[in-house]
Amino acid sequence: MIDFENELKKFHPSPEVGDVEDVVNNHDLTDMVDFIVRTVSDAEE
């Protein structure tokens, strides 16, 4: 049987995840909703 408490004690997050989080939070990334809104706005003009 797996001892989840013991496994959680051994857990360490990957450093790359923190790096990706910093990049995503510090840059203005366009998502699909932004792209669609911009495309519809341009088509209406």
PDB file of N, CA and C in Angstrom:
ATOM      1  N   MET A   1       0.851  -1.178   0.000  1.00  0.00           N
ATOM      2  CA  MET A   1       0.000   0.000   0.000  1.00  0.00           C
ATOM      3  C   MET A   1       0.899   1.245   0.000  1.00  0.00           C
ATOM      4  N   ILE A   2       0.470   2.283  -0.696  1.00  0.00           N
ATOM      5  CA  ILE A   2       1.237   3.526  -0.782  1.00  0.00           C
ATOM      6  C   ILE A   2       0.940   4.388   0.447  1.00  0.00           C
ATOM      7  N   ASP A   3       2.009   4.869   1.068  1.00  0.00           N
ATOM      8  CA  ASP A   3       1.875   5.782   2.204  1.00  0.00           C
ATOM      9  C   ASP A   3       1.910   7.217   1.659  1.00  0.00           C
ATOM     10  N   PHE A   4       0.731   7.795   1.436  1.00  0.00           N
ATOM     11  CA  PHE A   4       0.646   9.104   0.803  1.00  0.00           C
ATOM     12  C   PHE A   4       1.303  10.200   1.635  1.00  0.00           C
ATOM     13  N   GLU A   5       1.190  10.134   2.912  1.00  0.00           N
ATOM     14  CA  GLU A   5       1.816  11.140   3.777  1.00  0.00           C
ATOM     15  C   GLU A   5       3.338  11.127   3.588  1.00  0.00           C
ATOM     16  N   ASN A   6       3.906   9.944   3.529  1.00  0.00           N
ATOM     17  CA  ASN A   6       5.352   9.822   3.341  1.00  0.00           C
ATOM     18  C   ASN A   6       5.752  10.310   1.945  1.00  0.00           C
ATOM     19  N   GLU A   7       4.955   9.998   0.944  1.00  0.00           N
ATOM     20  CA  GLU A   7       5.245  10.432  -0.423  1.00  0.00           C
ATOM     21  C   GLU A   7       5.156  11.954  -0.535  1.00  0.00           C
ATOM     22  N   LEU A   8       4.185  12.568   0.128  1.00  0.00           N
ATOM     23  CA  LEU A   8       4.065  14.020   0.098  1.00  0.00           C
ATOM     24  C   LEU A   8       5.255  14.711   0.763  1.00  0.00           C
ATOM     25  N   LYS A   9       5.813  14.094   1.783  1.00  0.00           N
ATOM     26  CA  LYS A   9       6.986  14.667   2.441  1.00  0.00           C
ATOM     27  C   LYS A   9       8.180  14.686   1.506  1.00  0.00           C
ATOM     28  N   LYS A  10       8.267  13.726   0.584  1.00  0.00           N
ATOM     29  CA  LYS A  10       9.389  13.634  -0.346  1.00  0.00           C
ATOM     30  C   LYS A  10       9.210  14.521  -1.582  1.00  0.00           C
ATOM     31  N   PHE A  11       8.027  15.091  -1.741  1.00  0.00           N
ATOM     32  CA  PHE A  11       7.731  15.873  -2.947  1.00  0.00           C
ATOM     33  C   PHE A  11       8.491  17.195  -2.955  1.00  0.00           C
ATOM     34  N   HIS A  12       9.087  17.511  -4.102  1.00  0.00           N
ATOM     35  CA  HIS A  12       9.734  18.799  -4.344  1.00  0.00           C
ATOM     36  C   HIS A  12       9.323  19.251  -5.744  1.00  0.00           C
ATOM     37  N   PRO A  13       8.745  20.435  -5.873  1.00  0.00           N
ATOM     38  CA  PRO A  13       8.313  20.882  -7.198  1.00  0.00           C
ATOM     39  C   PRO A  13       9.502  21.076  -8.132  1.00  0.00           C
ATOM     40  N   SER A  14       9.249  20.875  -9.392  1.00  0.00           N
ATOM     41  CA  SER A  14      10.279  21.045 -10.406  1.00  0.00           C
ATOM     42  C   SER A  14      10.638  22.525 -10.534  1.00  0.00           C
ATOM     43  N   PRO A  15      11.915  22.866 -10.588  1.00  0.00           N
ATOM     44  CA  PRO A  15      12.300  24.282 -10.721  1.00  0.00           C
ATOM     45  C   PRO A  15      11.833  24.887 -12.037  1.00  0.00           C
ATOM     46  N   GLU A  16      11.694  24.080 -13.070  1.00  0.00           N
ATOM     47  CA  GLU A  16      11.253  24.597 -14.363  1.00  0.00           C
ATOM     48  C   GLU A  16       9.842  25.157 -14.299  1.00  0.00           C
ATOM     49  N   VAL A  17       9.014  24.598 -13.443  1.00  0.00           N
ATOM     50  CA  VAL A  17       7.639  25.073 -13.309  1.00  0.00           C
ATOM     51  C   VAL A  17       7.638  26.520 -12.814  1.00  0.00           C
ATOM     52  N   GLY A  18       8.481  26.832 -11.866  1.00  0.00           N
ATOM     53  CA  GLY A  18       8.585  28.204 -11.371  1.00  0.00           C
ATOM     54  C   GLY A  18       9.072  29.155 -12.440  1.00  0.00           C
ATOM     55  N   ASP A  19      10.006  28.696 -13.268  1.00  0.00           N
ATOM     56  CA  ASP A  19      10.517  29.527 -14.362  1.00  0.00           C
ATOM     57  C   ASP A  19       9.414  29.841 -15.369  1.00  0.00           C
ATOM     58  N   VAL A  20       8.620  28.846 -15.707  1.00  0.00           N
ATOM     59  CA  VAL A  20       7.525  29.047 -16.653  1.00  0.00           C
ATOM     60  C   VAL A  20       6.500  29.996 -16.062  1.00  0.00           C
ATOM     61  N   GLU A  21       6.206  29.836 -14.789  1.00  0.00           N
ATOM     62  CA  GLU A  21       5.237  30.708 -14.132  1.00  0.00           C
ATOM     63  C   GLU A  21       5.698  32.161 -14.190  1.00  0.00           C
ATOM     64  N   ASP A  22       6.978  32.417 -13.952  1.00  0.00           N
ATOM     65  CA  ASP A  22       7.507  33.782 -14.024  1.00  0.00           C
ATOM     66  C   ASP A  22       7.365  34.354 -15.422  1.00  0.00           C
ATOM     67  N   VAL A  23       7.671  33.569 -16.438  1.00  0.00           N
ATOM     68  CA  VAL A  23       7.576  34.041 -17.822  1.00  0.00           C
ATOM     69  C   VAL A  23       6.133  34.371 -18.177  1.00  0.00           C
ATOM     70  N   VAL A  24       5.216  33.506 -17.806  1.00  0.00           N
ATOM     71  CA  VAL A  24       3.808  33.727 -18.136  1.00  0.00           C
ATOM     72  C   VAL A  24       3.275  34.953 -17.412  1.00  0.00           C
ATOM     73  N   ASN A  25       3.602  35.121 -16.153  1.00  0.00           N
ATOM     74  CA  ASN A  25       3.085  36.248 -15.383  1.00  0.00           C
ATOM     75  C   ASN A  25       3.716  37.571 -15.773  1.00  0.00           C
ATOM     76  N   ASN A  26       4.946  37.563 -16.286  1.00  0.00           N
ATOM     77  CA  ASN A  26       5.654  38.808 -16.571  1.00  0.00           C
ATOM     78  C   ASN A  26       5.565  39.243 -18.028  1.00  0.00           C
ATOM     79  N   HIS A  27       4.826  38.531 -18.850  1.00  0.00           N
ATOM     80  CA  HIS A  27       4.686  38.893 -20.256  1.00  0.00           C
ATOM     81  C   HIS A  27       3.206  38.998 -20.601  1.00  0.00           C
ATOM     82  N   ASP A  28       2.927  39.895 -21.508  1.00  0.00           N
ATOM     83  CA  ASP A  28       1.554  40.066 -21.972  1.00  0.00           C
ATOM     84  C   ASP A  28       1.314  39.055 -23.082  1.00  0.00           C
ATOM     85  N   LEU A  29       0.775  37.913 -22.722  1.00  0.00           N
ATOM     86  CA  LEU A  29       0.537  36.852 -23.686  1.00  0.00           C
ATOM     87  C   LEU A  29      -0.896  36.935 -24.197  1.00  0.00           C
ATOM     88  N   THR A  30      -1.042  36.841 -25.504  1.00  0.00           N
ATOM     89  CA  THR A  30      -2.361  36.875 -26.117  1.00  0.00           C
ATOM     90  C   THR A  30      -2.945  35.471 -26.112  1.00  0.00           C
ATOM     91  N   ASP A  31      -4.150  35.340 -25.592  1.00  0.00           N
ATOM     92  CA  ASP A  31      -4.807  34.041 -25.644  1.00  0.00           C
ATOM     93  C   ASP A  31      -5.840  34.061 -26.769  1.00  0.00           C
ATOM     94  N   MET A  32      -6.529  32.966 -26.962  1.00  0.00           N
ATOM     95  CA  MET A  32      -7.477  32.849 -28.078  1.00  0.00           C
ATOM     96  C   MET A  32      -8.622  33.848 -27.964  1.00  0.00           C
ATOM     97  N   VAL A  33      -9.081  34.134 -26.761  1.00  0.00           N
ATOM     98  CA  VAL A  33     -10.172  35.098 -26.596  1.00  0.00           C
ATOM     99  C   VAL A  33      -9.718  36.477 -27.055  1.00  0.00           C
ATOM    100  N   ASP A  34      -8.509  36.889 -26.661  1.00  0.00           N
ATOM    101  CA  ASP A  34      -7.977  38.181 -27.113  1.00  0.00           C
ATOM    102  C   ASP A  34      -7.885  38.218 -28.633  1.00  0.00           C
ATOM    103  N   PHE A  35      -7.418  37.129 -29.225  1.00  0.00           N
ATOM    104  CA  PHE A  35      -7.276  37.053 -30.680  1.00  0.00           C
ATOM    105  C   PHE A  35      -8.632  37.186 -31.371  1.00  0.00           C
ATOM    106  N   ILE A  36      -9.651  36.492 -30.871  1.00  0.00           N
ATOM    107  CA  ILE A  36     -10.980  36.534 -31.484  1.00  0.00           C
ATOM    108  C   ILE A  36     -11.590  37.923 -31.337  1.00  0.00           C
ATOM    109  N   VAL A  37     -11.469  38.513 -30.155  1.00  0.00           N
ATOM    110  CA  VAL A  37     -12.017  39.868 -29.940  1.00  0.00           C
ATOM    111  C   VAL A  37     -11.348  40.854 -30.875  1.00  0.00           C
ATOM    112  N   ARG A  38     -10.053  40.777 -31.019  1.00  0.00           N
ATOM    113  CA  ARG A  38      -9.326  41.689 -31.907  1.00  0.00           C
ATOM    114  C   ARG A  38      -9.740  41.466 -33.356  1.00  0.00           C
ATOM    115  N   THR A  39      -9.895  40.215 -33.766  1.00  0.00           N
ATOM    116  CA  THR A  39     -10.279  39.913 -35.150  1.00  0.00           C
ATOM    117  C   THR A  39     -11.684  40.424 -35.455  1.00  0.00           C
ATOM    118  N   VAL A  40     -12.619  40.228 -34.522  1.00  0.00           N
ATOM    119  CA  VAL A  40     -13.986  40.727 -34.738  1.00  0.00           C
ATOM    120  C   VAL A  40     -14.001  42.242 -34.760  1.00  0.00           C
ATOM    121  N   SER A  41     -13.255  42.883 -33.887  1.00  0.00           N
ATOM    122  CA  SER A  41     -13.195  44.342 -33.870  1.00  0.00           C
ATOM    123  C   SER A  41     -12.629  44.883 -35.185  1.00  0.00           C
ATOM    124  N   ASP A  42     -11.579  44.241 -35.685  1.00  0.00           N
ATOM    125  CA  ASP A  42     -10.983  44.677 -36.952  1.00  0.00           C
ATOM    126  C   ASP A  42     -11.960  44.467 -38.112  1.00  0.00           C
ATOM    127  N   ALA A  43     -12.735  43.389 -38.085  1.00  0.00           N
ATOM    128  CA  ALA A  43     -13.691  43.101 -39.160  1.00  0.00           C
ATOM    129  C   ALA A  43     -14.834  44.108 -39.148  1.00  0.00           C
ATOM    130  N   GLU A  44     -15.221  44.612 -37.979  1.00  0.00           N
ATOM    131  CA  GLU A  44     -16.315  45.568 -37.875  1.00  0.00           C
ATOM    132  C   GLU A  44     -15.909  46.948 -38.379  1.00  0.00           C
ATOM    133  N   GLU A  45     -14.637  47.262 -38.364  1.00  0.00           N
ATOM    134  CA  GLU A  45     -14.154  48.596 -38.781  1.00  0.00           C
ATOM    135  C   GLU A  45     -14.079  48.741 -40.245  1.00  0.00           C
TER     136      GLU A  45
END
